[in-house]
Amino acid sequence: MAPRTELTLAVIRHAESTENATKPTFYRDPRPWSATAAHALSRDLVGLTPRGFEQCLWLRRTLPDLLGSDPVVRTSQYRRSQDTAALALPGLPSEATAALGEQHYGDATYMTKRELFATFPEGAEDRRLRKHLWVPPGEGGESLAGGVLRRAGAFLDTLPALAPAAAAVVAVTHHTAILALRTLLEGRPVTDLVEEARRRKTPNAAVLLYRLRDGRFEAAGVAEPDC
């Protein structure tokens, strides 16, 4: 029997988090945390809201019809991504990868724009006018068009090797990482996707479907939660 060469990829934005629902709680001026503490808060402590839990139940009902049983599950290293996978796909093993992480904002993590521009004026113009090229200051800071896009490409490069053994892969990730993934999966300029996201972000728990055929991905539909 010839090895399977087709694969369904479901890119899912994590369910609604406490940060999504109450941004002013996290973005204070002046910021009460160090940059390191702010990033650790974002990565390790930010969990899901009750609405996010309902969205996970919607995913639990919806994903089997879209993907079949036993997809390969990948998440970011952030708690809200891992919690979404655990609630939406109970009993399935998942593997966390830094390739699916949210953009790392370095020393700017959870800074308001006012404090950011006052503290790091040298990057203000890029942040205002060329957000995809802006490299946040400090250790770990990465731009959307640079570090996030490279990580997205590295993740997609791992998928063809999974096709012979798996019919589907679930990638639970974040808003900015989805922009990078869509740039590569859909062959669209990142600037177009950034502008589109200004009008409407990918909703929490939305599922973007792609099919890998003959080494190329094709868009295959979108499902959005009703809660």
Protein backbone atom coordinates (compact mmCIF):
# COMPACT_ATOMS: atom_id res chain seq x y z
CA MET A 1 0.00 0.00 0.00
CA ALA A 2 1.35 3.42 -0.94
CA PRO A 3 1.99 5.77 2.01
CA ARG A 4 -0.61 8.45 2.68
CA THR A 5 0.35 11.82 1.20
CA GLU A 6 -2.75 13.83 2.20
CA LEU A 7 -3.20 15.56 5.53
CA THR A 8 -5.79 17.86 7.06
CA LEU A 9 -4.44 20.70 9.19
CA ALA A 10 -6.74 22.49 11.65
CA VAL A 11 -5.27 25.78 12.87
CA ILE A 12 -7.19 26.83 15.99
CA ARG A 13 -6.93 30.04 17.94
CA HIS A 14 -7.08 29.19 21.66
CA ALA A 15 -10.42 29.70 23.40
CA GLU A 16 -11.17 33.01 25.12
CA SER A 17 -8.66 33.79 27.84
CA THR A 18 -8.83 36.11 30.83
CA GLU A 19 -6.45 38.40 28.95
CA ASN A 20 -8.77 38.55 25.93
CA ALA A 21 -11.75 39.36 28.12
CA THR A 22 -10.15 41.90 30.49
CA LYS A 23 -7.21 43.56 28.74
CA PRO A 24 -7.04 46.57 31.12
CA THR A 25 -6.28 44.11 33.94
CA PHE A 26 -3.01 43.25 32.22
CA TYR A 27 -2.08 46.48 30.43
CA ARG A 28 -1.54 48.95 33.27
CA ASP A 29 0.35 52.23 33.16
CA PRO A 30 2.84 52.14 34.68
CA ARG A 31 3.27 48.40 34.29
CA PRO A 32 3.55 46.83 37.76
CA TRP A 33 5.73 43.89 36.64
CA SER A 34 9.18 43.47 35.20
CA ALA A 35 9.39 42.33 31.58
CA THR A 36 10.41 38.82 32.66
CA ALA A 37 7.52 38.55 35.12
CA ALA A 38 5.06 39.93 32.55
CA HIS A 39 6.04 37.32 29.98
CA ALA A 40 5.89 34.52 32.56
CA LEU A 41 2.40 35.74 33.52
CA SER A 42 1.30 35.63 29.89
CA ARG A 43 2.83 32.23 29.22
CA ASP A 44 2.12 30.30 32.42
CA LEU A 45 -0.80 31.87 34.29
CA VAL A 46 -3.32 33.27 31.83
CA GLY A 47 -6.13 30.71 31.63
CA LEU A 48 -9.57 30.49 30.05
CA THR A 49 -12.79 32.31 30.93
CA PRO A 50 -16.15 30.57 31.40
CA ARG A 51 -16.93 31.58 27.82
CA GLY A 52 -13.64 30.00 26.78
CA PHE A 53 -14.73 26.78 28.47
CA GLU A 54 -17.98 26.85 26.48
CA GLN A 55 -15.97 27.37 23.31
CA CYS A 56 -13.91 24.29 24.15
CA LEU A 57 -17.10 22.27 24.49
CA TRP A 58 -18.13 23.55 21.05
CA LEU A 59 -14.76 22.40 19.69
CA ARG A 60 -15.24 19.00 21.33
CA ARG A 61 -18.53 18.59 19.44
CA THR A 62 -17.26 20.04 16.17
CA LEU A 63 -13.76 18.65 15.58
CA PRO A 64 -14.63 14.95 15.13
CA ASP A 65 -16.81 15.79 12.11
CA LEU A 66 -14.03 17.93 10.61
CA LEU A 67 -11.02 15.74 11.38
CA GLY A 68 -12.14 12.24 12.26
CA SER A 69 -10.76 10.50 15.32
CA ASP A 70 -7.31 10.64 16.87
CA PRO A 71 -5.69 13.65 15.20
CA VAL A 72 -2.12 14.55 16.09
CA VAL A 73 -2.30 17.48 18.53
CA ARG A 74 0.25 20.27 18.78
CA THR A 75 -0.01 23.33 21.04
CA SER A 76 2.06 26.30 21.98
CA GLN A 77 3.86 26.39 25.32
CA TYR A 78 1.27 28.83 26.69
CA ARG A 79 -1.26 27.65 29.25
CA ARG A 80 -4.30 28.97 27.36
CA SER A 81 -3.33 26.96 24.29
CA GLN A 82 -2.70 23.76 26.25
CA ASP A 83 -5.93 24.16 28.27
CA THR A 84 -7.89 24.56 25.03
CA ALA A 85 -6.47 21.33 23.64
CA ALA A 86 -7.04 19.41 26.87
CA LEU A 87 -10.70 20.48 27.08
CA ALA A 88 -11.51 20.24 23.39
CA LEU A 89 -9.73 16.94 22.74
CA PRO A 90 -9.86 15.07 26.05
CA GLY A 91 -7.83 11.90 26.26
CA LEU A 92 -5.64 12.68 23.27
CA PRO A 93 -1.93 13.24 23.86
CA SER A 94 -0.58 16.63 22.85
CA GLU A 95 2.89 18.00 22.31
CA ALA A 96 3.84 21.59 23.08
CA THR A 97 6.17 23.38 20.70
CA ALA A 98 7.73 26.84 20.78
CA ALA A 99 7.06 27.05 17.03
CA LEU A 100 3.38 27.79 17.77
CA GLY A 101 3.98 30.38 20.50
CA GLU A 102 2.57 33.89 20.50
CA GLN A 103 4.84 36.69 19.33
CA HIS A 104 7.41 37.39 22.07
CA TYR A 105 7.16 41.06 23.02
CA GLY A 106 10.38 41.09 25.05
CA ASP A 107 10.71 44.08 27.36
CA ALA A 108 7.44 45.48 25.96
CA THR A 109 5.26 42.63 27.26
CA TYR A 110 2.04 44.11 28.73
CA MET A 111 3.24 47.71 28.30
CA THR A 112 0.64 50.25 27.21
CA LYS A 113 1.52 52.12 24.02
CA ARG A 114 2.09 55.31 25.99
CA GLU A 115 4.62 53.68 28.30
CA LEU A 116 6.21 51.78 25.43
CA PHE A 117 6.78 54.89 23.32
CA ALA A 118 8.05 56.85 26.31
CA THR A 119 10.46 54.10 27.37
CA PHE A 120 11.62 52.95 23.93
CA PRO A 121 11.14 55.93 21.56
CA GLU A 122 13.57 54.51 19.00
CA GLY A 123 11.06 51.82 18.00
CA ALA A 124 7.93 53.97 18.09
CA GLU A 125 7.71 54.66 14.34
CA ASP A 126 7.90 50.99 13.40
CA ARG A 127 5.34 50.08 16.06
CA ARG A 128 2.94 52.75 14.78
CA LEU A 129 3.38 52.37 11.02
CA ARG A 130 5.06 49.02 10.30
CA LYS A 131 3.82 46.72 13.02
CA HIS A 132 4.83 43.56 11.13
CA LEU A 133 8.46 44.74 11.04
CA TRP A 134 8.62 46.05 14.62
CA VAL A 135 11.09 44.13 16.78
CA PRO A 136 10.13 44.52 20.45
CA PRO A 137 13.04 45.66 22.63
CA GLY A 138 14.93 43.34 24.92
CA GLU A 139 15.76 39.67 25.11
CA GLY A 140 13.47 37.43 23.11
CA GLY A 141 11.73 40.23 21.23
CA GLU A 142 10.73 39.13 17.72
CA SER A 143 8.90 40.70 14.81
CA LEU A 144 5.94 39.14 13.06
CA ALA A 145 7.70 39.23 9.68
CA GLY A 146 10.91 37.85 11.19
CA GLY A 147 10.90 35.49 14.16
CA VAL A 148 7.20 34.56 14.17
CA LEU A 149 7.19 33.84 10.44
CA ARG A 150 10.34 31.71 10.73
CA ARG A 151 8.80 29.67 13.53
CA ALA A 152 5.61 29.17 11.53
CA GLY A 153 7.64 27.92 8.59
CA ALA A 154 9.58 25.52 10.80
CA PHE A 155 6.30 24.10 12.13
CA LEU A 156 4.82 23.59 8.67
CA ASP A 157 8.01 21.87 7.55
CA THR A 158 7.37 19.13 10.12
CA LEU A 159 3.93 18.22 8.79
CA PRO A 160 4.64 16.21 5.60
CA ALA A 161 6.50 13.63 7.68
CA LEU A 162 3.32 13.07 9.72
CA ALA A 163 1.12 12.37 6.69
CA PRO A 164 1.92 8.66 6.30
CA ALA A 165 0.74 7.91 9.84
CA ALA A 166 -1.90 10.59 10.56
CA ALA A 167 -4.96 11.84 8.73
CA ALA A 168 -5.12 15.16 10.58
CA VAL A 169 -3.09 17.55 12.72
CA VAL A 170 -4.52 20.09 15.16
CA ALA A 171 -2.41 23.19 15.90
CA VAL A 172 -3.73 25.23 18.84
CA THR A 173 -2.01 28.59 18.73
CA HIS A 174 -2.38 32.39 18.98
CA HIS A 175 -3.50 35.43 17.00
CA THR A 176 -0.12 36.61 15.72
CA ALA A 177 1.13 33.10 15.05
CA ILE A 178 -2.01 32.51 12.96
CA LEU A 179 -1.17 35.57 10.85
CA ALA A 180 2.25 34.03 10.14
CA LEU A 181 0.81 30.59 9.40
CA ARG A 182 -1.80 32.04 7.04
CA THR A 183 0.89 34.01 5.22
CA LEU A 184 2.63 30.75 4.36
CA LEU A 185 -0.42 28.50 3.94
CA GLU A 186 -2.37 30.92 1.76
CA GLY A 187 0.51 32.65 -0.03
CA ARG A 188 -0.69 36.10 1.01
CA PRO A 189 1.40 39.13 2.01
CA VAL A 190 1.68 39.48 5.75
CA THR A 191 0.77 43.18 5.41
CA ASP A 192 -2.61 42.23 3.91
CA LEU A 193 -3.35 39.91 6.81
CA VAL A 194 -2.31 42.52 9.40
CA GLU A 195 -4.67 45.04 7.79
CA GLU A 196 -7.45 42.46 7.69
CA ALA A 197 -6.90 41.70 11.38
CA ARG A 198 -7.32 45.40 12.24
CA ARG A 199 -10.88 45.06 11.01
CA ARG A 200 -11.55 41.60 12.46
CA LYS A 201 -9.26 39.18 14.27
CA THR A 202 -9.62 35.43 14.00
CA PRO A 203 -12.19 34.68 16.73
CA ASN A 204 -11.21 32.65 19.77
CA ALA A 205 -11.71 28.92 19.13
CA ALA A 206 -12.16 29.44 15.36
CA VAL A 207 -10.95 26.55 13.20
CA LEU A 208 -9.10 27.24 9.93
CA LEU A 209 -8.88 24.11 7.79
CA TYR A 210 -6.19 23.32 5.21
CA ARG A 211 -5.49 20.20 3.14
CA LEU A 212 -2.02 19.05 2.18
CA ARG A 213 -2.05 17.45 -1.27
CA ASP A 214 1.00 16.70 -3.37
CA GLY A 215 3.19 18.82 -1.11
CA ARG A 216 0.94 21.92 -1.18
CA PHE A 217 -1.61 23.27 1.27
CA GLU A 218 -5.03 24.46 0.13
CA ALA A 219 -7.62 26.31 2.20
CA ALA A 220 -10.53 23.98 2.98
CA GLY A 221 -12.94 25.99 5.10
CA VAL A 222 -13.53 27.82 8.38
CA ALA A 223 -15.66 26.97 11.40
CA GLU A 224 -16.42 29.53 14.12
CA PRO A 225 -17.98 28.97 17.54
CA ASP A 226 -21.55 29.96 18.26
CA CYS A 227 -20.72 31.06 21.79
